[in-house]
Amino acid sequence: MITVYGKQNCGFCTQAINLLNTTGLDYQKFIIDENISREEFVSKFPDVRTVPLIYNDDQRLGGYQQLKEYVDGLDRNEYNPNP
C-alpha cells in the first residue's frame, strides 16, 4: 500500500493524491497537523525536509516525481526503484 505524508496547501501533495485517485491504487495519507503531529513526523523522519514523502509498503519512493515514475513504470511493467 502507498503511504503519503503531506501538509495542507502543498501543490505536490495534492498532485500526488490526485494521481493515486486516478490510478485506483490503494493508499493512505497522513496530513501533518491533522492526523499526524509535526513532532511525530519529525521524530519518525528526522532527515526529511520536504513533502510529500511517499512510501510503497516499507520502501521509500520519494516525492511526487518519483511517485509519477513509479506509476508510469507500473503501466509499462518496468519500474526500477534503484536505477
PDB file of N, CA and C in Angstrom:
ATOM      1  N   MET A   1       0.847  -1.182   0.000  1.00  0.00           N
ATOM      2  CA  MET A   1       0.000   0.000   0.000  1.00  0.00           C
ATOM      3  C   MET A   1       0.889   1.241   0.000  1.00  0.00           C
ATOM      4  N   ILE A   2       0.455   2.240  -0.734  1.00  0.00           N
ATOM      5  CA  ILE A   2       1.159   3.515  -0.808  1.00  0.00           C
ATOM      6  C   ILE A   2       0.769   4.357   0.411  1.00  0.00           C
ATOM      7  N   THR A   3       1.757   5.016   0.995  1.00  0.00           N
ATOM      8  CA  THR A   3       1.513   5.941   2.097  1.00  0.00           C
ATOM      9  C   THR A   3       2.069   7.297   1.707  1.00  0.00           C
ATOM     10  N   VAL A   4       1.236   8.322   1.849  1.00  0.00           N
ATOM     11  CA  VAL A   4       1.629   9.685   1.508  1.00  0.00           C
ATOM     12  C   VAL A   4       1.591  10.529   2.776  1.00  0.00           C
ATOM     13  N   TYR A   5       2.713  11.167   3.078  1.00  0.00           N
ATOM     14  CA  TYR A   5       2.778  12.148   4.154  1.00  0.00           C
ATOM     15  C   TYR A   5       2.834  13.512   3.490  1.00  0.00           C
ATOM     16  N   GLY A   6       1.959  14.405   3.903  1.00  0.00           N
ATOM     17  CA  GLY A   6       1.916  15.723   3.291  1.00  0.00           C
ATOM     18  C   GLY A   6       1.418  16.765   4.257  1.00  0.00           C
ATOM     19  N   LYS A   7       1.100  17.928   3.715  1.00  0.00           N
ATOM     20  CA  LYS A   7       0.552  19.013   4.521  1.00  0.00           C
ATOM     21  C   LYS A   7      -0.464  19.777   3.681  1.00  0.00           C
ATOM     22  N   GLN A   8      -1.263  20.579   4.360  1.00  0.00           N
ATOM     23  CA  GLN A   8      -2.257  21.405   3.680  1.00  0.00           C
ATOM     24  C   GLN A   8      -1.561  22.418   2.778  1.00  0.00           C
ATOM     25  N   ASN A   9      -2.225  22.805   1.715  1.00  0.00           N
ATOM     26  CA  ASN A   9      -1.739  23.838   0.797  1.00  0.00           C
ATOM     27  C   ASN A   9      -0.385  23.483   0.173  1.00  0.00           C
ATOM     28  N   CYS A  10      -0.192  22.211  -0.099  1.00  0.00           N
ATOM     29  CA  CYS A  10       1.034  21.728  -0.743  1.00  0.00           C
ATOM     30  C   CYS A  10       0.646  21.230  -2.130  1.00  0.00           C
ATOM     31  N   GLY A  11       1.098  21.927  -3.156  1.00  0.00           N
ATOM     32  CA  GLY A  11       0.725  21.583  -4.521  1.00  0.00           C
ATOM     33  C   GLY A  11       1.142  20.181  -4.925  1.00  0.00           C
ATOM     34  N   PHE A  12       2.367  19.788  -4.603  1.00  0.00           N
ATOM     35  CA  PHE A  12       2.830  18.449  -4.970  1.00  0.00           C
ATOM     36  C   PHE A  12       2.109  17.365  -4.175  1.00  0.00           C
ATOM     37  N   CYS A  13       1.721  17.670  -2.936  1.00  0.00           N
ATOM     38  CA  CYS A  13       0.937  16.710  -2.134  1.00  0.00           C
ATOM     39  C   CYS A  13      -0.415  16.481  -2.803  1.00  0.00           C
ATOM     40  N   THR A  14      -1.054  17.561  -3.221  1.00  0.00           N
ATOM     41  CA  THR A  14      -2.343  17.456  -3.901  1.00  0.00           C
ATOM     42  C   THR A  14      -2.202  16.692  -5.214  1.00  0.00           C
ATOM     43  N   GLN A  15      -1.153  16.963  -5.978  1.00  0.00           N
ATOM     44  CA  GLN A  15      -0.933  16.243  -7.229  1.00  0.00           C
ATOM     45  C   GLN A  15      -0.726  14.754  -6.985  1.00  0.00           C
ATOM     46  N   ALA A  16       0.010  14.413  -5.921  1.00  0.00           N
ATOM     47  CA  ALA A  16       0.240  13.004  -5.599  1.00  0.00           C
ATOM     48  C   ALA A  16      -1.067  12.294  -5.281  1.00  0.00           C
ATOM     49  N   ILE A  17      -1.904  12.914  -4.471  1.00  0.00           N
ATOM     50  CA  ILE A  17      -3.198  12.317  -4.111  1.00  0.00           C
ATOM     51  C   ILE A  17      -4.080  12.197  -5.353  1.00  0.00           C
ATOM     52  N   ASN A  18      -4.099  13.231  -6.186  1.00  0.00           N
ATOM     53  CA  ASN A  18      -4.896  13.174  -7.416  1.00  0.00           C
ATOM     54  C   ASN A  18      -4.417  12.049  -8.333  1.00  0.00           C
ATOM     55  N   LEU A  19      -3.117  11.886  -8.453  1.00  0.00           N
ATOM     56  CA  LEU A  19      -2.559  10.808  -9.283  1.00  0.00           C
ATOM     57  C   LEU A  19      -2.993   9.452  -8.747  1.00  0.00           C
ATOM     58  N   LEU A  20      -2.899   9.277  -7.439  1.00  0.00           N
ATOM     59  CA  LEU A  20      -3.308   7.997  -6.839  1.00  0.00           C
ATOM     60  C   LEU A  20      -4.799   7.753  -7.034  1.00  0.00           C
ATOM     61  N   ASN A  21      -5.602   8.807  -6.931  1.00  0.00           N
ATOM     62  CA  ASN A  21      -7.041   8.652  -7.149  1.00  0.00           C
ATOM     63  C   ASN A  21      -7.349   8.221  -8.580  1.00  0.00           C
ATOM     64  N   THR A  22      -6.613   8.760  -9.545  1.00  0.00           N
ATOM     65  CA  THR A  22      -6.887   8.408 -10.941  1.00  0.00           C
ATOM     66  C   THR A  22      -6.393   7.010 -11.291  1.00  0.00           C
ATOM     67  N   THR A  23      -5.365   6.531 -10.588  1.00  0.00           N
ATOM     68  CA  THR A  23      -4.835   5.202 -10.892  1.00  0.00           C
ATOM     69  C   THR A  23      -5.617   4.090 -10.216  1.00  0.00           C
ATOM     70  N   GLY A  24      -6.317   4.424  -9.136  1.00  0.00           N
ATOM     71  CA  GLY A  24      -7.050   3.400  -8.392  1.00  0.00           C
ATOM     72  C   GLY A  24      -6.181   2.605  -7.433  1.00  0.00           C
ATOM     73  N   LEU A  25      -4.918   3.018  -7.247  1.00  0.00           N
ATOM     74  CA  LEU A  25      -4.049   2.327  -6.297  1.00  0.00           C
ATOM     75  C   LEU A  25      -4.522   2.605  -4.874  1.00  0.00           C
ATOM     76  N   ASP A  26      -4.419   1.597  -4.013  1.00  0.00           N
ATOM     77  CA  ASP A  26      -4.754   1.786  -2.607  1.00  0.00           C
ATOM     78  C   ASP A  26      -3.697   2.652  -1.951  1.00  0.00           C
ATOM     79  N   TYR A  27      -4.148   3.600  -1.144  1.00  0.00           N
ATOM     80  CA  TYR A  27      -3.199   4.454  -0.438  1.00  0.00           C
ATOM     81  C   TYR A  27      -3.811   4.942   0.858  1.00  0.00           C
ATOM     82  N   GLN A  28      -2.938   5.392   1.720  1.00  0.00           N
ATOM     83  CA  GLN A  28      -3.361   6.080   2.932  1.00  0.00           C
ATOM     84  C   GLN A  28      -2.591   7.388   2.988  1.00  0.00           C
ATOM     85  N   LYS A  29      -3.192   8.399   3.583  1.00  0.00           N
ATOM     86  CA  LYS A  29      -2.499   9.681   3.657  1.00  0.00           C
ATOM     87  C   LYS A  29      -2.486  10.180   5.094  1.00  0.00           C
ATOM     88  N   PHE A  30      -1.404  10.829   5.417  1.00  0.00           N
ATOM     89  CA  PHE A  30      -1.234  11.461   6.706  1.00  0.00           C
ATOM     90  C   PHE A  30      -0.894  12.921   6.452  1.00  0.00           C
ATOM     91  N   ILE A  31      -1.734  13.803   6.960  1.00  0.00           N
ATOM     92  CA  ILE A  31      -1.541  15.238   6.790  1.00  0.00           C
ATOM     93  C   ILE A  31      -0.996  15.802   8.099  1.00  0.00           C
ATOM     94  N   ILE A  32       0.162  16.440   8.009  1.00  0.00           N
ATOM     95  CA  ILE A  32       0.805  16.996   9.191  1.00  0.00           C
ATOM     96  C   ILE A  32      -0.132  18.014   9.846  1.00  0.00           C
ATOM     97  N   ASP A  33      -0.252  17.905  11.145  1.00  0.00           N
ATOM     98  CA  ASP A  33      -1.105  18.743  11.997  1.00  0.00           C
ATOM     99  C   ASP A  33      -2.589  18.406  11.867  1.00  0.00           C
ATOM    100  N   GLU A  34      -2.930  17.355  11.123  1.00  0.00           N
ATOM    101  CA  GLU A  34      -4.311  16.872  11.090  1.00  0.00           C
ATOM    102  C   GLU A  34      -4.385  15.477  11.697  1.00  0.00           C
ATOM    103  N   ASN A  35      -3.770  14.488  11.042  1.00  0.00           N
ATOM    104  CA  ASN A  35      -3.822  13.129  11.582  1.00  0.00           C
ATOM    105  C   ASN A  35      -2.445  12.569  11.913  1.00  0.00           C
ATOM    106  N   ILE A  36      -1.429  13.428  11.853  1.00  0.00           N
ATOM    107  CA  ILE A  36      -0.102  13.129  12.405  1.00  0.00           C
ATOM    108  C   ILE A  36       0.463  14.470  12.883  1.00  0.00           C
ATOM    109  N   SER A  37       0.985  14.479  14.091  1.00  0.00           N
ATOM    110  CA  SER A  37       1.530  15.740  14.610  1.00  0.00           C
ATOM    111  C   SER A  37       2.876  16.030  13.950  1.00  0.00           C
ATOM    112  N   ARG A  38       3.215  17.291  13.930  1.00  0.00           N
ATOM    113  CA  ARG A  38       4.511  17.700  13.384  1.00  0.00           C
ATOM    114  C   ARG A  38       5.643  17.010  14.152  1.00  0.00           C
ATOM    115  N   GLU A  39       5.495  16.915  15.475  1.00  0.00           N
ATOM    116  CA  GLU A  39       6.514  16.279  16.305  1.00  0.00           C
ATOM    117  C   GLU A  39       6.675  14.802  15.959  1.00  0.00           C
ATOM    118  N   GLU A  40       5.551  14.105  15.754  1.00  0.00           N
ATOM    119  CA  GLU A  40       5.610  12.689  15.400  1.00  0.00           C
ATOM    120  C   GLU A  40       6.264  12.501  14.029  1.00  0.00           C
ATOM    121  N   PHE A  41       5.921  13.371  13.080  1.00  0.00           N
ATOM    122  CA  PHE A  41       6.509  13.292  11.743  1.00  0.00           C
ATOM    123  C   PHE A  41       8.024  13.484  11.810  1.00  0.00           C
ATOM    124  N   VAL A  42       8.470  14.529  12.514  1.00  0.00           N
ATOM    125  CA  VAL A  42       9.897  14.813  12.620  1.00  0.00           C
ATOM    126  C   VAL A  42      10.622  13.692  13.362  1.00  0.00           C
ATOM    127  N   SER A  43       9.977  13.122  14.370  1.00  0.00           N
ATOM    128  CA  SER A  43      10.579  12.010  15.099  1.00  0.00           C
ATOM    129  C   SER A  43      10.732  10.779  14.214  1.00  0.00           C
ATOM    130  N   LYS A  44       9.724  10.518  13.393  1.00  0.00           N
ATOM    131  CA  LYS A  44       9.724   9.350  12.518  1.00  0.00           C
ATOM    132  C   LYS A  44      10.664   9.525  11.326  1.00  0.00           C
ATOM    133  N   PHE A  45      10.772  10.756  10.830  1.00  0.00           N
ATOM    134  CA  PHE A  45      11.580  11.058   9.639  1.00  0.00           C
ATOM    135  C   PHE A  45      12.475  12.281   9.914  1.00  0.00           C
ATOM    136  N   PRO A  46      13.485  12.123  10.761  1.00  0.00           N
ATOM    137  CA  PRO A  46      14.282  13.291  11.176  1.00  0.00           C
ATOM    138  C   PRO A  46      15.061  13.969  10.043  1.00  0.00           C
ATOM    139  N   ASP A  47      15.350  13.273   8.962  1.00  0.00           N
ATOM    140  CA  ASP A  47      16.135  13.858   7.883  1.00  0.00           C
ATOM    141  C   ASP A  47      15.293  14.430   6.742  1.00  0.00           C
ATOM    142  N   VAL A  48      13.990  14.296   6.838  1.00  0.00           N
ATOM    143  CA  VAL A  48      13.107  14.762   5.762  1.00  0.00           C
ATOM    144  C   VAL A  48      12.811  16.240   5.946  1.00  0.00           C
ATOM    145  N   ARG A  49      12.992  16.992   4.867  1.00  0.00           N
ATOM    146  CA  ARG A  49      12.761  18.437   4.917  1.00  0.00           C
ATOM    147  C   ARG A  49      11.622  18.892   4.010  1.00  0.00           C
ATOM    148  N   THR A  50      11.137  18.011   3.126  1.00  0.00           N
ATOM    149  CA  THR A  50      10.082  18.401   2.192  1.00  0.00           C
ATOM    150  C   THR A  50       9.007  17.327   2.143  1.00  0.00           C
ATOM    151  N   VAL A  51       7.835  17.736   1.738  1.00  0.00           N
ATOM    152  CA  VAL A  51       6.729  16.814   1.495  1.00  0.00           C
ATOM    153  C   VAL A  51       6.230  17.089   0.089  1.00  0.00           C
ATOM    154  N   PRO A  52       5.577  16.134  -0.535  1.00  0.00           N
ATOM    155  CA  PRO A  52       5.139  14.874   0.037  1.00  0.00           C
ATOM    156  C   PRO A  52       6.292  13.891   0.218  1.00  0.00           C
ATOM    157  N   LEU A  53       6.129  13.047   1.188  1.00  0.00           N
ATOM    158  CA  LEU A  53       7.020  11.914   1.416  1.00  0.00           C
ATOM    159  C   LEU A  53       6.175  10.683   1.137  1.00  0.00           C
ATOM    160  N   ILE A  54       6.606   9.858   0.195  1.00  0.00           N
ATOM    161  CA  ILE A  54       5.767   8.759  -0.279  1.00  0.00           C
ATOM    162  C   ILE A  54       6.504   7.439  -0.147  1.00  0.00           C
ATOM    163  N   TYR A  55       5.790   6.478   0.431  1.00  0.00           N
ATOM    164  CA  TYR A  55       6.313   5.124   0.601  1.00  0.00           C
ATOM    165  C   TYR A  55       5.418   4.135  -0.128  1.00  0.00           C
ATOM    166  N   ASN A  56       6.011   3.053  -0.605  1.00  0.00           N
ATOM    167  CA  ASN A  56       5.282   1.894  -1.096  1.00  0.00           C
ATOM    168  C   ASN A  56       5.634   0.766  -0.140  1.00  0.00           C
ATOM    169  N   ASP A  57       4.681   0.378   0.682  1.00  0.00           N
ATOM    170  CA  ASP A  57       4.938  -0.531   1.796  1.00  0.00           C
ATOM    171  C   ASP A  57       6.065   0.078   2.632  1.00  0.00           C
ATOM    172  N   ASP A  58       7.186  -0.603   2.807  1.00  0.00           N
ATOM    173  CA  ASP A  58       8.280  -0.058   3.614  1.00  0.00           C
ATOM    174  C   ASP A  58       9.382   0.573   2.769  1.00  0.00           C
ATOM    175  N   GLN A  59       9.148   0.681   1.473  1.00  0.00           N
ATOM    176  CA  GLN A  59      10.163   1.221   0.571  1.00  0.00           C
ATOM    177  C   GLN A  59       9.868   2.686   0.264  1.00  0.00           C
ATOM    178  N   ARG A  60      10.835   3.529   0.531  1.00  0.00           N
ATOM    179  CA  ARG A  60      10.663   4.955   0.262  1.00  0.00           C
ATOM    180  C   ARG A  60      10.745   5.211  -1.240  1.00  0.00           C
ATOM    181  N   LEU A  61       9.675   5.795  -1.784  1.00  0.00           N
ATOM    182  CA  LEU A  61       9.683   6.184  -3.197  1.00  0.00           C
ATOM    183  C   LEU A  61      10.300   7.560  -3.358  1.00  0.00           C
ATOM    184  N   GLY A  62       9.962   8.487  -2.470  1.00  0.00           N
ATOM    185  CA  GLY A  62      10.450   9.859  -2.557  1.00  0.00           C
ATOM    186  C   GLY A  62       9.288  10.818  -2.561  1.00  0.00           C
ATOM    187  N   GLY A  63       9.283  11.727  -3.550  1.00  0.00           N
ATOM    188  CA  GLY A  63       8.235  12.736  -3.662  1.00  0.00           C
ATOM    189  C   GLY A  63       7.311  12.470  -4.838  1.00  0.00           C
ATOM    190  N   TYR A  64       6.664  13.544  -5.285  1.00  0.00           N
ATOM    191  CA  TYR A  64       5.685  13.400  -6.360  1.00  0.00           C
ATOM    192  C   TYR A  64       6.312  12.839  -7.637  1.00  0.00           C
ATOM    193  N   GLN A  65       7.464  13.365  -8.038  1.00  0.00           N
ATOM    194  CA  GLN A  65       8.078  12.923  -9.299  1.00  0.00           C
ATOM    195  C   GLN A  65       8.387  11.428  -9.274  1.00  0.00           C
ATOM    196  N   GLN A  66       8.888  10.939  -8.143  1.00  0.00           N
ATOM    197  CA  GLN A  66       9.194   9.514  -8.021  1.00  0.00           C
ATOM    198  C   GLN A  66       7.918   8.680  -8.034  1.00  0.00           C
ATOM    199  N   LEU A  67       6.847   9.210  -7.438  1.00  0.00           N
ATOM    200  CA  LEU A  67       5.561   8.511  -7.500  1.00  0.00           C
ATOM    201  C   LEU A  67       5.089   8.425  -8.946  1.00  0.00           C
ATOM    202  N   LYS A  68       5.205   9.522  -9.687  1.00  0.00           N
ATOM    203  CA  LYS A  68       4.791   9.524 -11.093  1.00  0.00           C
ATOM    204  C   LYS A  68       5.597   8.493 -11.886  1.00  0.00           C
ATOM    205  N   GLU A  69       6.919   8.440 -11.656  1.00  0.00           N
ATOM    206  CA  GLU A  69       7.752   7.451 -12.335  1.00  0.00           C
ATOM    207  C   GLU A  69       7.337   6.032 -11.954  1.00  0.00           C
ATOM    208  N   TYR A  70       7.007   5.832 -10.703  1.00  0.00           N
ATOM    209  CA  TYR A  70       6.547   4.522 -10.232  1.00  0.00           C
ATOM    210  C   TYR A  70       5.262   4.112 -10.951  1.00  0.00           C
ATOM    211  N   VAL A  71       4.298   5.024 -11.002  1.00  0.00           N
ATOM    212  CA  VAL A  71       3.019   4.738 -11.656  1.00  0.00           C
ATOM    213  C   VAL A  71       3.227   4.504 -13.148  1.00  0.00           C
ATOM    214  N   ASP A  72       4.046   5.338 -13.783  1.00  0.00           N
ATOM    215  CA  ASP A  72       4.334   5.143 -15.204  1.00  0.00           C
ATOM    216  C   ASP A  72       5.004   3.791 -15.435  1.00  0.00           C
ATOM    217  N   GLY A  73       5.893   3.393 -14.530  1.00  0.00           N
ATOM    218  CA  GLY A  73       6.560   2.098 -14.632  1.00  0.00           C
ATOM    219  C   GLY A  73       5.595   0.943 -14.468  1.00  0.00           C
ATOM    220  N   LEU A  74       4.595   1.112 -13.617  1.00  0.00           N
ATOM    221  CA  LEU A  74       3.571   0.074 -13.462  1.00  0.00           C
ATOM    222  C   LEU A  74       2.822  -0.117 -14.767  1.00  0.00           C
ATOM    223  N   ASP A  75       2.550   1.001 -15.430  1.00  0.00           N
ATOM    224  CA  ASP A  75       1.846   0.932 -16.714  1.00  0.00           C
ATOM    225  C   ASP A  75       2.658   0.155 -17.743  1.00  0.00           C
ATOM    226  N   ARG A  76       3.990   0.274 -17.654  1.00  0.00           N
ATOM    227  CA  ARG A  76       4.867  -0.409 -18.610  1.00  0.00           C
ATOM    228  C   ARG A  76       5.510  -1.661 -17.992  1.00  0.00           C
ATOM    229  N   ASN A  77       5.222  -1.915 -16.709  1.00  0.00           N
ATOM    230  CA  ASN A  77       5.791  -3.058 -16.001  1.00  0.00           C
ATOM    231  C   ASN A  77       7.311  -3.007 -15.937  1.00  0.00           C
ATOM    232  N   GLU A  78       7.872  -1.810 -15.769  1.00  0.00           N
ATOM    233  CA  GLU A  78       9.322  -1.698 -15.784  1.00  0.00           C
ATOM    234  C   GLU A  78       9.880  -0.771 -14.722  1.00  0.00           C
ATOM    235  N   TYR A  79       9.157  -0.538 -13.641  1.00  0.00           N
ATOM    236  CA  TYR A  79       9.671   0.353 -12.600  1.00  0.00           C
ATOM    237  C   TYR A  79      10.865  -0.279 -11.900  1.00  0.00           C
ATOM    238  N   ASN A  80      11.947   0.491 -11.771  1.00  0.00           N
ATOM    239  CA  ASN A  80      13.128   0.064 -11.044  1.00  0.00           C
ATOM    240  C   ASN A  80      13.408   1.103  -9.971  1.00  0.00           C
ATOM    241  N   PRO A  81      13.188   0.778  -8.688  1.00  0.00           N
ATOM    242  CA  PRO A  81      13.354   1.777  -7.640  1.00  0.00           C
ATOM    243  C   PRO A  81      14.808   2.164  -7.402  1.00  0.00           C
ATOM    244  N   ASN A  82      15.746   1.410  -7.942  1.00  0.00           N
ATOM    245  CA  ASN A  82      17.166   1.695  -7.741  1.00  0.00           C
ATOM    246  C   ASN A  82      17.898   1.773  -9.079  1.00  0.00           C
ATOM    247  N   PRO A  83      17.661   2.858  -9.834  1.00  0.00           N
ATOM    248  CA  PRO A  83      18.272   2.953 -11.169  1.00  0.00           C
ATOM    249  C   PRO A  83      19.790   3.024 -11.103  1.00  0.00           C
TER     250      PRO A  83
END
